[in-house]
Amino acid sequence: MTTRMESASRPEATGPGIALMLLGVLLFTVNDALGKWLVADYAVGQLLLLRSIVALAVLAPMIWRSGLRRTLRVEQPALHVLRVALIVLEVAAFYWAVRHLPLADVVTFYMATPLFVTALSVPLLGEYVGPRRWAAVIVGFGGVIMILQPSGEALSLPALIALAGSILFALIMIVTRRLRATGDLTLISWQTTGVLLAGAATVPFAWVPPTPTDLVLLGSLGFVATAGHMCVNRSLRLAPAVVVVPFQYTGIVWAVIMGFIVFGDVPGPVMTTGACLIIASGLYVFYREQAIGRRGRAKD
């Protein structure tokens, strides 16, 4: 079964698309850890504002070279506005949830994103997902649950907010896929400006003067998040969502590595088994996509 969306993706671009998703997930994991550290002392809106200011400063030279009018000009403004609104809601939901829950619990809910994307990519993108790739994604999600083992707070309001954030993140990826003809700079400029305005609107109600050290860390959020978004945006333009999105599971691998280096945490057998399941499922999805691309998409 061949669709217009799938035909538009070049098979030779699938590898780079996956590599960029892996890098983007690593950057987002660093960003999540910084956010967890800072949100304990600063309001969510303040984090959004300060990180967006730094992000725009990073983007400014590129916007200048491209031209402001050219950068902000889009052919599907309604979709761009929808994407920006989804991003603002998702980022706020993540930071609000992570303030009240362990980072591992929130990440667990976000690891459900590939399941939502897989389900939504069929009606919204017209992509075909066969039973084998469905099974691989489900096995990967089982590995995530095995590793993170959510706490007893799973049915609390913060947990429901985290789950809502993961659904919003899936919708962001779907919309980004629909906007793959739009340049990366345009996508990141729109979303950064939207988040900045949303954060600025909350400042009069909650502002804590940051220490010099925290100011540097708050600025790092903007730099790391911008780089991560650019990687993910490019990844979704190069390859189908159902191929690259499952590689978000590698966020667990990055978390294990950082936990060992920074905190001295050593993964146990449950962690190792779960990680193997996640990696194996992601690699299988990649293998199936390549095999189907060589034979045609009549079967999956």
Protein backbone atom coordinates (compact mmCIF):
# COMPACT_ATOMS: atom_id res chain seq x y z
CA MET A 1 0.00 0.00 0.00
CA THR A 2 1.62 3.26 -1.11
CA THR A 3 0.64 6.71 0.12
CA ARG A 4 1.57 10.17 -1.08
CA MET A 5 3.22 10.97 2.27
CA GLU A 6 5.42 7.91 2.20
CA SER A 7 6.41 8.39 -1.42
CA ALA A 8 7.68 11.86 -0.59
CA SER A 9 10.28 10.45 1.82
CA ARG A 10 13.53 9.42 0.20
CA PRO A 11 14.84 6.03 1.44
CA GLU A 12 18.41 7.36 1.57
CA ALA A 13 17.28 10.07 4.00
CA THR A 14 15.97 7.60 6.60
CA GLY A 15 19.39 7.00 8.19
CA PRO A 16 20.18 10.71 8.68
CA GLY A 17 16.65 11.20 9.98
CA ILE A 18 17.17 8.59 12.67
CA ALA A 19 20.60 9.99 13.59
CA LEU A 20 19.13 13.46 14.06
CA MET A 21 16.32 12.07 16.22
CA LEU A 22 18.91 10.34 18.42
CA LEU A 23 20.86 13.58 18.85
CA GLY A 24 17.68 15.55 19.49
CA VAL A 25 16.58 13.10 22.19
CA LEU A 26 19.97 13.39 23.91
CA LEU A 27 19.67 17.17 23.96
CA PHE A 28 16.11 16.99 25.28
CA THR A 29 17.25 14.67 28.08
CA VAL A 30 19.86 17.22 29.16
CA ASN A 31 17.21 19.93 28.91
CA ASP A 32 14.78 17.90 31.04
CA ALA A 33 17.35 17.41 33.80
CA LEU A 34 18.14 21.13 33.87
CA GLY A 35 14.45 21.98 33.91
CA LYS A 36 13.79 19.61 36.81
CA TRP A 37 16.56 21.29 38.77
CA LEU A 38 15.40 24.86 38.09
CA VAL A 39 11.63 24.53 38.29
CA ALA A 40 11.91 23.84 42.02
CA ASP A 41 12.87 27.50 42.57
CA TYR A 42 11.42 29.36 39.59
CA ALA A 43 7.97 29.68 38.03
CA VAL A 44 7.22 27.78 34.84
CA GLY A 45 6.51 31.01 32.96
CA GLN A 46 9.86 32.45 34.03
CA LEU A 47 11.65 29.40 32.67
CA LEU A 48 9.79 29.71 29.38
CA LEU A 49 10.62 33.41 29.06
CA LEU A 50 14.34 33.24 29.88
CA ARG A 51 15.05 30.15 27.83
CA SER A 52 13.23 31.68 24.85
CA ILE A 53 15.22 34.91 25.07
CA VAL A 54 18.47 32.96 24.85
CA ALA A 55 17.06 30.78 22.07
CA LEU A 56 16.16 33.84 19.99
CA ALA A 57 19.63 35.26 20.62
CA VAL A 58 21.10 32.04 19.22
CA LEU A 59 18.77 32.20 16.22
CA ALA A 60 19.26 35.94 15.56
CA PRO A 61 22.32 35.65 13.25
CA MET A 62 20.55 33.02 11.14
CA ILE A 63 17.36 35.07 11.00
CA TRP A 64 19.39 38.14 9.99
CA ARG A 65 21.07 36.26 7.13
CA SER A 66 17.79 34.79 5.95
CA GLY A 67 15.77 37.97 6.42
CA LEU A 68 13.02 38.45 8.99
CA ARG A 69 10.18 38.61 6.49
CA ARG A 70 11.38 35.53 4.65
CA THR A 71 11.88 33.61 7.90
CA LEU A 72 8.40 34.32 9.26
CA ARG A 73 6.53 34.00 5.96
CA VAL A 74 4.58 30.73 5.81
CA GLU A 75 2.15 29.11 3.40
CA GLN A 76 0.00 27.39 6.04
CA PRO A 77 -0.33 29.95 8.85
CA ALA A 78 -3.18 28.11 10.58
CA LEU A 79 -1.04 24.98 11.00
CA HIS A 80 1.88 27.05 12.29
CA VAL A 81 -0.33 28.78 14.86
CA LEU A 82 -1.70 25.40 15.91
CA ARG A 83 1.81 24.01 16.26
CA VAL A 84 2.96 26.97 18.37
CA ALA A 85 -0.08 26.66 20.64
CA LEU A 86 0.55 22.93 21.09
CA ILE A 87 4.22 23.57 21.93
CA VAL A 88 3.38 26.22 24.54
CA LEU A 89 0.87 23.89 26.21
CA GLU A 90 3.20 20.89 26.06
CA VAL A 91 6.23 22.67 27.53
CA ALA A 92 4.13 24.18 30.32
CA ALA A 93 2.59 20.77 31.05
CA PHE A 94 5.99 19.11 31.25
CA TYR A 95 7.50 21.65 33.63
CA TRP A 96 4.38 21.72 35.80
CA ALA A 97 4.33 17.92 36.04
CA VAL A 98 8.04 17.54 36.67
CA ARG A 99 7.81 19.98 39.58
CA HIS A 100 5.47 17.56 41.40
CA LEU A 101 6.63 14.16 40.16
CA PRO A 102 10.00 12.41 39.85
CA LEU A 103 11.57 13.00 36.46
CA ALA A 104 11.46 9.26 35.76
CA ASP A 105 7.68 9.19 36.20
CA VAL A 106 7.14 12.09 33.82
CA VAL A 107 9.50 10.61 31.25
CA THR A 108 7.56 7.34 31.49
CA PHE A 109 4.40 9.07 30.35
CA TYR A 110 6.29 10.86 27.57
CA MET A 111 7.66 7.56 26.34
CA ALA A 112 4.08 6.73 25.35
CA THR A 113 4.36 9.40 22.63
CA PRO A 114 5.40 6.94 19.86
CA LEU A 115 2.24 4.94 20.49
CA PHE A 116 0.11 8.05 20.07
CA VAL A 117 2.04 9.10 16.97
CA THR A 118 1.71 5.66 15.43
CA ALA A 119 -2.04 5.68 15.98
CA LEU A 120 -2.49 9.27 14.80
CA SER A 121 -0.22 9.00 11.77
CA VAL A 122 -2.76 6.74 10.06
CA PRO A 123 -5.75 9.14 10.00
CA LEU A 124 -3.77 12.41 10.07
CA LEU A 125 -0.82 11.60 7.79
CA GLY A 126 -2.21 8.79 5.67
CA GLU A 127 0.77 6.58 6.59
CA TYR A 128 0.44 2.81 6.67
CA VAL A 129 1.48 0.97 9.84
CA GLY A 130 1.49 -2.79 9.72
CA PRO A 131 1.10 -5.24 12.61
CA ARG A 132 4.81 -5.96 12.92
CA ARG A 133 5.77 -2.34 13.52
CA TRP A 134 2.80 -1.98 15.86
CA ALA A 135 4.11 -4.96 17.84
CA ALA A 136 7.65 -3.55 17.93
CA VAL A 137 6.47 -0.21 19.32
CA ILE A 138 4.37 -1.92 21.98
CA VAL A 139 7.31 -4.11 23.03
CA GLY A 140 9.46 -0.98 23.30
CA PHE A 141 6.88 0.68 25.50
CA GLY A 142 6.83 -2.42 27.71
CA GLY A 143 10.58 -1.98 28.14
CA VAL A 144 10.06 1.63 29.21
CA ILE A 145 7.58 0.58 31.87
CA MET A 146 9.96 -2.14 33.06
CA ILE A 147 12.79 0.37 33.48
CA LEU A 148 10.98 3.31 35.03
CA GLN A 149 8.34 1.51 37.13
CA PRO A 150 6.05 4.53 37.77
CA SER A 151 5.35 5.32 41.40
CA GLY A 152 2.03 5.00 43.17
CA GLU A 153 1.20 8.58 42.18
CA ALA A 154 0.35 7.40 38.66
CA LEU A 155 -3.30 8.49 38.93
CA SER A 156 -2.58 11.90 40.51
CA LEU A 157 -3.36 15.21 38.78
CA PRO A 158 0.34 15.87 37.97
CA ALA A 159 0.52 12.43 36.33
CA LEU A 160 -2.57 13.17 34.26
CA ILE A 161 -0.98 16.48 33.23
CA ALA A 162 2.17 14.59 32.18
CA LEU A 163 0.09 12.15 30.16
CA ALA A 164 -1.68 15.07 28.49
CA GLY A 165 1.75 16.54 27.72
CA SER A 166 2.81 13.35 25.96
CA ILE A 167 -0.32 13.45 23.79
CA LEU A 168 0.37 17.11 22.96
CA PHE A 169 3.95 16.18 22.02
CA ALA A 170 2.64 13.50 19.66
CA LEU A 171 0.36 16.04 18.01
CA ILE A 172 3.32 18.42 17.63
CA MET A 173 5.22 15.75 15.74
CA ILE A 174 2.25 15.03 13.52
CA VAL A 175 1.80 18.73 12.66
CA THR A 176 5.56 19.11 12.10
CA ARG A 177 5.41 16.23 9.64
CA ARG A 178 2.63 18.04 7.77
CA LEU A 179 4.85 21.14 7.65
CA ARG A 180 7.98 19.33 6.44
CA ALA A 181 8.20 21.63 3.42
CA THR A 182 8.77 24.56 5.81
CA GLY A 183 12.38 25.44 6.64
CA ASP A 184 13.84 24.52 10.02
CA LEU A 185 14.62 28.16 10.83
CA THR A 186 11.03 29.19 10.21
CA LEU A 187 9.68 26.40 12.41
CA ILE A 188 12.01 27.10 15.32
CA SER A 189 11.54 30.89 15.07
CA TRP A 190 7.78 30.61 15.22
CA GLN A 191 7.75 28.25 18.17
CA THR A 192 10.40 30.17 20.14
CA THR A 193 8.55 33.44 19.71
CA GLY A 194 5.29 31.84 20.78
CA VAL A 195 6.82 30.34 23.93
CA LEU A 196 8.50 33.67 24.76
CA LEU A 197 5.20 35.56 24.54
CA ALA A 198 3.45 32.95 26.66
CA GLY A 199 6.16 33.14 29.32
CA ALA A 200 6.18 36.94 29.29
CA ALA A 201 2.43 36.98 29.95
CA THR A 202 2.97 35.16 33.27
CA VAL A 203 5.91 37.22 34.55
CA PRO A 204 3.83 39.92 36.31
CA PHE A 205 2.30 37.17 38.46
CA ALA A 206 5.42 35.20 39.39
CA TRP A 207 9.04 36.34 39.16
CA VAL A 208 12.02 35.27 41.27
CA PRO A 209 15.33 37.11 40.68
CA PRO A 210 17.76 34.38 39.55
CA THR A 211 21.23 33.96 40.99
CA PRO A 212 24.16 34.35 38.53
CA THR A 213 24.63 30.58 38.41
CA ASP A 214 20.97 29.90 37.85
CA LEU A 215 20.85 32.59 35.19
CA VAL A 216 23.50 30.68 33.25
CA LEU A 217 21.55 27.45 33.68
CA LEU A 218 18.32 29.14 32.59
CA GLY A 219 20.09 30.39 29.50
CA SER A 220 21.42 26.91 28.82
CA LEU A 221 17.84 25.69 28.65
CA GLY A 222 17.28 27.93 25.65
CA PHE A 223 20.41 26.83 23.83
CA VAL A 224 19.92 23.10 24.42
CA ALA A 225 16.19 23.15 23.68
CA THR A 226 16.74 25.07 20.43
CA ALA A 227 19.35 22.61 19.23
CA GLY A 228 17.11 19.68 20.17
CA HIS A 229 14.09 21.09 18.34
CA MET A 230 16.13 21.73 15.21
CA CYS A 231 17.35 18.14 15.20
CA VAL A 232 13.85 16.71 15.68
CA ASN A 233 12.34 19.06 13.09
CA ARG A 234 14.87 18.00 10.48
CA SER A 235 14.45 14.34 11.43
CA LEU A 236 10.69 14.48 10.83
CA ARG A 237 11.24 16.12 7.46
CA LEU A 238 13.68 13.46 6.33
CA ALA A 239 11.83 10.30 7.38
CA PRO A 240 8.30 9.11 8.18
CA ALA A 241 7.07 9.72 11.71
CA VAL A 242 6.46 6.01 12.34
CA VAL A 243 10.16 5.32 11.69
CA VAL A 244 11.97 8.05 13.64
CA VAL A 245 9.60 8.62 16.55
CA PRO A 246 10.23 5.21 18.25
CA PHE A 247 13.86 6.28 18.68
CA GLN A 248 12.69 8.64 21.40
CA TYR A 249 13.01 5.54 23.58
CA THR A 250 16.78 6.09 23.58
CA GLY A 251 16.14 8.94 26.02
CA ILE A 252 16.25 6.22 28.66
CA VAL A 253 19.72 5.20 27.51
CA TRP A 254 20.96 8.80 27.73
CA ALA A 255 19.40 9.07 31.20
CA VAL A 256 21.23 5.93 32.35
CA ILE A 257 24.56 7.23 31.03
CA MET A 258 24.15 10.65 32.62
CA GLY A 259 22.94 9.10 35.86
CA PHE A 260 26.07 6.93 36.04
CA ILE A 261 28.50 9.73 35.16
CA VAL A 262 26.94 12.47 37.31
CA PHE A 263 25.31 10.58 40.18
CA GLY A 264 27.10 7.23 40.16
CA ASP A 265 23.89 5.27 39.55
CA VAL A 266 24.53 1.74 38.26
CA PRO A 267 21.70 0.14 36.26
CA GLY A 268 20.45 -3.20 37.59
CA PRO A 269 19.27 -6.26 35.62
CA VAL A 270 15.73 -4.89 35.23
CA MET A 271 17.10 -1.66 33.78
CA THR A 272 19.40 -3.54 31.42
CA THR A 273 16.64 -5.87 30.22
CA GLY A 274 14.25 -3.00 29.60
CA ALA A 275 16.89 -1.04 27.72
CA CYS A 276 17.57 -4.03 25.49
CA LEU A 277 13.87 -4.33 24.68
CA ILE A 278 13.66 -0.65 23.80
CA ILE A 279 16.74 -0.67 21.57
CA ALA A 280 15.72 -3.92 19.88
CA SER A 281 12.24 -2.59 19.09
CA GLY A 282 13.64 0.62 17.63
CA LEU A 283 16.12 -1.25 15.47
CA TYR A 284 13.39 -3.61 14.29
CA VAL A 285 11.19 -0.70 13.21
CA PHE A 286 14.15 0.65 11.23
CA TYR A 287 14.81 -2.78 9.70
CA ARG A 288 11.17 -3.23 8.67
CA GLU A 289 11.07 0.23 7.06
CA GLN A 290 14.19 -0.49 5.03
CA ALA A 291 12.96 -3.95 4.00
CA ILE A 292 9.54 -2.61 2.99
CA GLY A 293 11.16 0.24 1.06
CA ARG A 294 13.20 -2.24 -0.97
CA ARG A 295 10.25 -4.54 -1.74
CA GLY A 296 7.50 -1.90 -1.96
CA ARG A 297 4.85 -1.27 0.65
CA ALA A 298 2.37 -3.96 -0.26
CA LYS A 299 3.14 -5.77 2.99
CA ASP A 300 4.23 -4.81 6.47
